[in-house]
Amino acid sequence: MELSWTTLILEIINFLVLIWILKHFLYKPVLDIIERRRAAIEKTLQDASTTQTQAESLRQQYENRLAVWEQDRQQEREKLTQEIELERQRRLSGLNTLLEEEREKARVIAKREEYAVQQQAEVKAMQLATGFAARLLTGLAIPALEQSLLDMLVEQIKGLPRDRLEKLKGGSNKGIAAEAVTVASAFVLNPAQRNSIEQCLHDVVQVKGAITYQQTPELLAGLHITIGAWVLHANLRDELRAFSDLVHAD
C-alpha cells in the first residue's frame, strides 16, 4: 500500500483539529473542573484548618477559663475558710471574754459573800465581847473603880488642848457660870472627890460658883460632866455605849 501524501497531510490536519477540539472543548473544561475541585478541596482544607484552629482556640479558652474558675474557686474557698476561722476566733474570744467576766463576777460575789460572812462573824464576836465586857465591868462597878475613873477624867481635863478649852469656855475670859455645869456620878461623891473635880474645873475651865451634882446609877461607875453644850465623861456606861456603837457602825 502506497503512502499518499495527501492522505497523510489530511490525517495530520485531522489530528491537529482533534487536538484543538480536545483542548478547547474537553481538556480546558476538565482542567477547569479539576482546578475548581482543587480550589474547593483547598478551601475545605483551609476551612477545616480554620475550624480546627478555632476549636483549639476555644478549647484553650475553655481550659483557661476552667483554670481561672478553679483558681477563683480556690481563692473563694480559702477566703471563706479564713472568714470562718476569723469568725470562730472572734466568737471564741468573745466567749473567753464573757467567761472571764463571769468568773470575775463570781470572784467578786464570792469575795463579797466572804467579806459579809467575815463581817458578820466579827460583829458577832464584837457583840459577844461587848456583852462580856458589860457583864464584867458591871461586876467591877465599885466606888474604888469610880475613884480611878474620876482621877483619869481630871487628868484628861488638865491635858485638854488650848483650842478645846477655848471652846469649852465659849471664847470668853470671864469664865463659865456654875449653873451651866452638872456633874453626874454612879456613886455619891465624897467631899474630897468633889473638891478634886471643882478644883480642876475652876482652874482649867474657869467655872465660877457652886457646881450641881447628881447621882446616876446607870453610869455603873465613873462621871459624866456637862458644861453647857459640851460633855466630858469617863464612865462605864458611855464607854460601853461607844464600843457598842462602833461595833454596829462596822
Protein backbone atom coordinates (compact mmCIF):
# COMPACT_ATOMS: atom_id res chain seq x y z
CA MET A 1 0.00 0.00 0.00
CA GLU A 2 1.49 3.20 -1.03
CA LEU A 3 1.50 6.15 1.31
CA SER A 4 -0.34 9.12 -0.05
CA TRP A 5 0.96 12.44 0.94
CA THR A 6 -2.44 13.90 0.60
CA THR A 7 -3.88 11.37 2.95
CA LEU A 8 -1.02 11.94 5.42
CA ILE A 9 -1.49 15.67 5.36
CA LEU A 10 -5.22 15.26 5.86
CA GLU A 11 -4.59 12.90 8.77
CA ILE A 12 -2.21 15.39 10.28
CA ILE A 13 -4.74 18.15 9.80
CA ASN A 14 -7.47 15.95 11.31
CA PHE A 15 -5.20 15.18 14.25
CA LEU A 16 -4.42 18.82 14.83
CA VAL A 17 -8.08 19.70 14.53
CA LEU A 18 -8.84 16.94 17.00
CA ILE A 19 -6.17 18.27 19.34
CA TRP A 20 -7.57 21.74 19.05
CA ILE A 21 -11.11 20.47 19.63
CA LEU A 22 -9.98 18.42 22.60
CA LYS A 23 -8.06 21.34 24.03
CA HIS A 24 -10.84 23.83 23.64
CA PHE A 25 -13.85 21.66 24.28
CA LEU A 26 -12.63 18.84 26.51
CA TYR A 27 -9.26 19.41 28.12
CA LYS A 28 -9.84 23.03 29.24
CA PRO A 29 -13.21 22.25 30.86
CA VAL A 30 -11.65 19.25 32.54
CA LEU A 31 -8.81 21.40 33.80
CA ASP A 32 -11.31 23.99 34.96
CA ILE A 33 -13.25 21.29 36.79
CA ILE A 34 -10.04 19.94 38.28
CA GLU A 35 -8.99 23.47 39.30
CA ARG A 36 -12.35 24.15 40.87
CA ARG A 37 -12.20 20.82 42.68
CA ARG A 38 -8.69 21.61 43.87
CA ALA A 39 -9.76 25.05 44.96
CA ALA A 40 -12.79 23.56 46.70
CA ILE A 41 -10.59 20.98 48.38
CA GLU A 42 -8.10 23.64 49.43
CA LYS A 43 -10.92 25.81 50.71
CA THR A 44 -12.36 22.83 52.55
CA LEU A 45 -8.94 22.07 53.98
CA GLN A 46 -8.46 25.75 54.88
CA ASP A 47 -11.92 25.89 56.45
CA ALA A 48 -11.18 22.68 58.31
CA SER A 49 -7.85 24.13 59.45
CA THR A 50 -9.57 27.34 60.46
CA THR A 51 -12.27 25.36 62.25
CA GLN A 52 -9.62 23.26 63.94
CA THR A 53 -7.71 26.39 64.89
CA GLN A 54 -10.89 27.96 66.26
CA ALA A 55 -11.74 24.73 68.03
CA GLU A 56 -8.24 24.64 69.51
CA SER A 57 -8.58 28.27 70.49
CA LEU A 58 -11.97 27.59 72.04
CA ARG A 59 -10.54 24.56 73.82
CA GLN A 60 -7.64 26.66 75.09
CA GLN A 61 -10.03 29.42 76.19
CA TYR A 62 -12.22 26.84 77.88
CA GLU A 63 -9.25 25.31 79.62
CA ASN A 64 -8.03 28.77 80.62
CA ARG A 65 -11.46 29.65 81.90
CA LEU A 66 -11.57 26.35 83.78
CA ALA A 67 -8.18 27.13 85.28
CA VAL A 68 -9.23 30.68 86.17
CA TRP A 69 -12.53 29.39 87.56
CA GLU A 70 -10.70 26.74 89.57
CA GLN A 71 -8.27 29.38 90.82
CA ASP A 72 -11.12 31.73 91.70
CA ARG A 73 -12.95 28.91 93.41
CA GLN A 74 -9.83 28.01 95.35
CA GLN A 75 -9.36 31.65 96.34
CA GLU A 76 -13.00 31.90 97.37
CA ARG A 77 -12.66 28.66 99.32
CA GLU A 78 -9.54 29.99 101.06
CA LYS A 79 -11.25 33.32 101.68
CA LEU A 80 -14.29 31.57 103.11
CA THR A 81 -12.04 29.38 105.25
CA GLN A 82 -10.24 32.48 106.55
CA GLU A 83 -13.52 34.25 107.24
CA ILE A 84 -14.83 31.19 109.06
CA GLU A 85 -11.61 30.99 111.09
CA LEU A 86 -11.73 34.72 111.89
CA GLU A 87 -15.37 34.42 112.92
CA ARG A 88 -14.53 31.39 115.03
CA GLN A 89 -11.65 33.25 116.65
CA ARG A 90 -13.87 36.30 117.23
CA ARG A 91 -16.62 34.25 118.81
CA LEU A 92 -14.10 32.25 120.81
CA SER A 93 -12.51 35.48 122.01
CA GLY A 94 -15.94 36.87 122.87
CA LEU A 95 -16.78 33.66 124.70
CA ASN A 96 -13.49 33.78 126.60
CA THR A 97 -14.12 37.42 127.50
CA LEU A 98 -17.64 36.57 128.64
CA LEU A 99 -16.38 33.62 130.66
CA GLU A 100 -13.67 35.79 132.22
CA GLU A 101 -16.26 38.44 133.09
CA GLU A 102 -18.49 35.77 134.62
CA ARG A 103 -15.52 34.37 136.55
CA GLU A 104 -14.63 37.87 137.72
CA LYS A 105 -18.23 38.45 138.79
CA ALA A 106 -18.21 35.13 140.59
CA ARG A 107 -14.94 36.06 142.32
CA VAL A 108 -16.34 39.45 143.32
CA ILE A 109 -19.57 37.88 144.59
CA ALA A 110 -17.62 35.20 146.44
CA LYS A 111 -15.32 37.84 147.92
CA ARG A 112 -18.31 39.96 148.96
CA GLU A 113 -20.01 36.96 150.48
CA GLU A 114 -16.78 36.01 152.24
CA TYR A 115 -16.38 39.60 153.44
CA ALA A 116 -20.02 39.68 154.58
CA VAL A 117 -19.58 36.40 156.47
CA GLN A 118 -16.37 37.71 157.98
CA GLN A 119 -18.07 40.98 158.93
CA GLN A 120 -20.97 39.10 160.47
CA ALA A 121 -18.55 36.92 162.38
CA GLU A 122 -16.62 39.99 163.54
CA VAL A 123 -19.80 41.79 164.53
CA LYS A 124 -21.00 38.71 166.37
CA ALA A 125 -17.65 38.40 168.11
CA MET A 126 -17.68 42.11 168.99
CA GLN A 127 -21.22 41.83 170.28
CA LEU A 128 -20.23 38.87 172.42
CA ALA A 129 -17.18 40.78 173.57
CA THR A 130 -19.33 43.82 174.31
CA GLY A 131 -21.77 41.73 176.30
CA PHE A 132 -18.96 40.03 178.14
CA ALA A 133 -17.23 43.36 178.85
CA ALA A 134 -20.51 44.86 180.01
CA ARG A 135 -21.14 41.97 182.41
CA LEU A 136 -17.53 42.01 183.58
CA LEU A 137 -17.40 45.78 184.09
CA THR A 138 -20.81 45.80 185.74
CA GLY A 139 -19.43 43.36 188.30
CA LEU A 140 -16.41 45.64 188.77
CA ALA A 141 -18.53 48.79 189.22
CA ILE A 142 -17.42 49.68 192.73
CA PRO A 143 -16.53 53.03 194.35
CA ALA A 144 -12.83 52.24 194.02
CA LEU A 145 -13.21 51.97 190.22
CA GLU A 146 -15.13 55.24 190.20
CA GLN A 147 -12.24 56.92 192.03
CA SER A 148 -9.88 55.68 189.35
CA LEU A 149 -12.17 56.97 186.61
CA LEU A 150 -12.51 60.31 188.42
CA ASP A 151 -8.73 60.68 188.61
CA MET A 152 -8.46 59.76 184.92
CA LEU A 153 -11.09 62.34 183.94
CA VAL A 154 -9.36 65.05 185.98
CA GLU A 155 -6.09 64.29 184.21
CA GLN A 156 -7.85 64.38 180.85
CA ILE A 157 -9.36 67.80 181.61
CA LYS A 158 -5.98 69.15 182.66
CA GLY A 159 -4.47 67.82 179.45
CA LEU A 160 -7.09 69.33 177.08
CA PRO A 161 -5.60 71.36 174.19
CA ARG A 162 -5.90 75.13 174.32
CA ASP A 163 -8.36 75.32 171.43
CA ARG A 164 -10.62 72.75 173.12
CA LEU A 165 -10.50 74.75 176.35
CA GLU A 166 -11.41 77.92 174.47
CA LYS A 167 -14.44 76.16 173.03
CA LEU A 168 -15.46 74.88 176.47
CA LYS A 169 -15.22 78.40 177.85
CA GLY A 170 -17.15 79.78 174.87
CA GLY A 171 -14.30 82.08 173.89
CA SER A 172 -14.80 84.25 176.97
CA ASN A 173 -12.23 85.10 179.64
CA LYS A 174 -14.96 85.71 182.26
CA GLY A 175 -15.31 82.01 182.95
CA ILE A 176 -18.35 79.72 182.96
CA ALA A 177 -21.30 80.10 185.29
CA ALA A 178 -21.68 77.17 187.67
CA GLU A 179 -25.35 76.83 186.68
CA ALA A 180 -24.18 75.58 183.29
CA VAL A 181 -22.13 72.72 184.83
CA THR A 182 -23.57 69.40 186.01
CA VAL A 183 -21.51 66.51 187.38
CA ALA A 184 -23.26 63.12 187.34
CA SER A 185 -21.70 60.09 189.06
CA ALA A 186 -22.68 56.50 189.55
CA PHE A 187 -21.94 56.69 193.29
CA VAL A 188 -22.31 59.58 195.70
CA LEU A 189 -19.10 61.60 195.64
CA ASN A 190 -17.39 62.31 198.93
CA PRO A 191 -16.12 65.83 199.76
CA ALA A 192 -12.58 65.01 198.70
CA GLN A 193 -13.73 63.79 195.31
CA ARG A 194 -15.95 66.87 194.80
CA ASN A 195 -13.12 69.11 195.83
CA SER A 196 -10.82 67.46 193.29
CA ILE A 197 -13.35 67.96 190.49
CA GLU A 198 -14.20 71.54 191.48
CA GLN A 199 -10.55 72.48 191.78
CA CYS A 200 -9.89 71.11 188.30
CA LEU A 201 -12.92 72.81 186.71
CA HIS A 202 -12.18 76.14 188.43
CA ASP A 203 -8.52 76.17 187.49
CA VAL A 204 -8.70 74.76 183.98
CA VAL A 205 -12.15 75.65 182.64
CA GLN A 206 -12.66 78.67 184.93
CA VAL A 207 -16.05 77.60 186.28
CA LYS A 208 -17.43 80.25 188.66
CA GLY A 209 -19.67 79.35 191.60
CA ALA A 210 -21.09 76.12 193.01
CA ILE A 211 -21.42 73.08 190.77
CA THR A 212 -24.54 70.91 190.54
CA TYR A 213 -24.09 67.21 191.40
CA GLN A 214 -26.41 64.32 190.77
CA GLN A 215 -26.22 60.58 191.23
CA THR A 216 -26.87 58.47 188.10
CA PRO A 217 -26.54 54.74 188.83
CA GLU A 218 -26.97 53.98 185.12
CA LEU A 219 -23.39 55.17 184.66
CA LEU A 220 -22.31 51.97 186.51
CA ALA A 221 -19.04 53.64 187.54
CA GLY A 222 -17.40 56.97 186.71
CA LEU A 223 -18.54 60.50 185.90
CA HIS A 224 -20.49 62.37 183.22
CA ILE A 225 -19.84 66.13 183.24
CA THR A 226 -21.98 68.55 181.21
CA ILE A 227 -20.54 72.02 180.55
CA GLY A 228 -23.12 73.93 178.54
CA ALA A 229 -23.37 72.10 175.25
CA TRP A 230 -20.17 70.15 175.92
CA VAL A 231 -19.83 66.78 177.59
CA LEU A 232 -16.82 65.26 179.35
CA HIS A 233 -17.13 61.73 180.56
CA ALA A 234 -15.24 58.78 181.94
CA ASN A 235 -17.74 56.12 182.94
CA LEU A 236 -18.59 52.53 182.09
CA ARG A 237 -21.98 53.25 180.54
CA ASP A 238 -20.73 55.75 177.97
CA GLU A 239 -17.65 53.68 177.16
CA LEU A 240 -19.73 50.53 176.64
CA ARG A 241 -22.22 52.51 174.56
CA ALA A 242 -19.43 53.94 172.40
CA PHE A 243 -17.97 50.45 172.00
CA SER A 244 -21.39 49.07 171.01
CA ASP A 245 -21.94 51.93 168.53
CA LEU A 246 -18.53 51.19 166.99
CA VAL A 247 -19.49 47.54 166.56
CA HIS A 248 -22.77 48.39 164.86
CA ALA A 249 -21.08 51.02 162.67
CA ASP A 250 -18.66 48.40 161.36
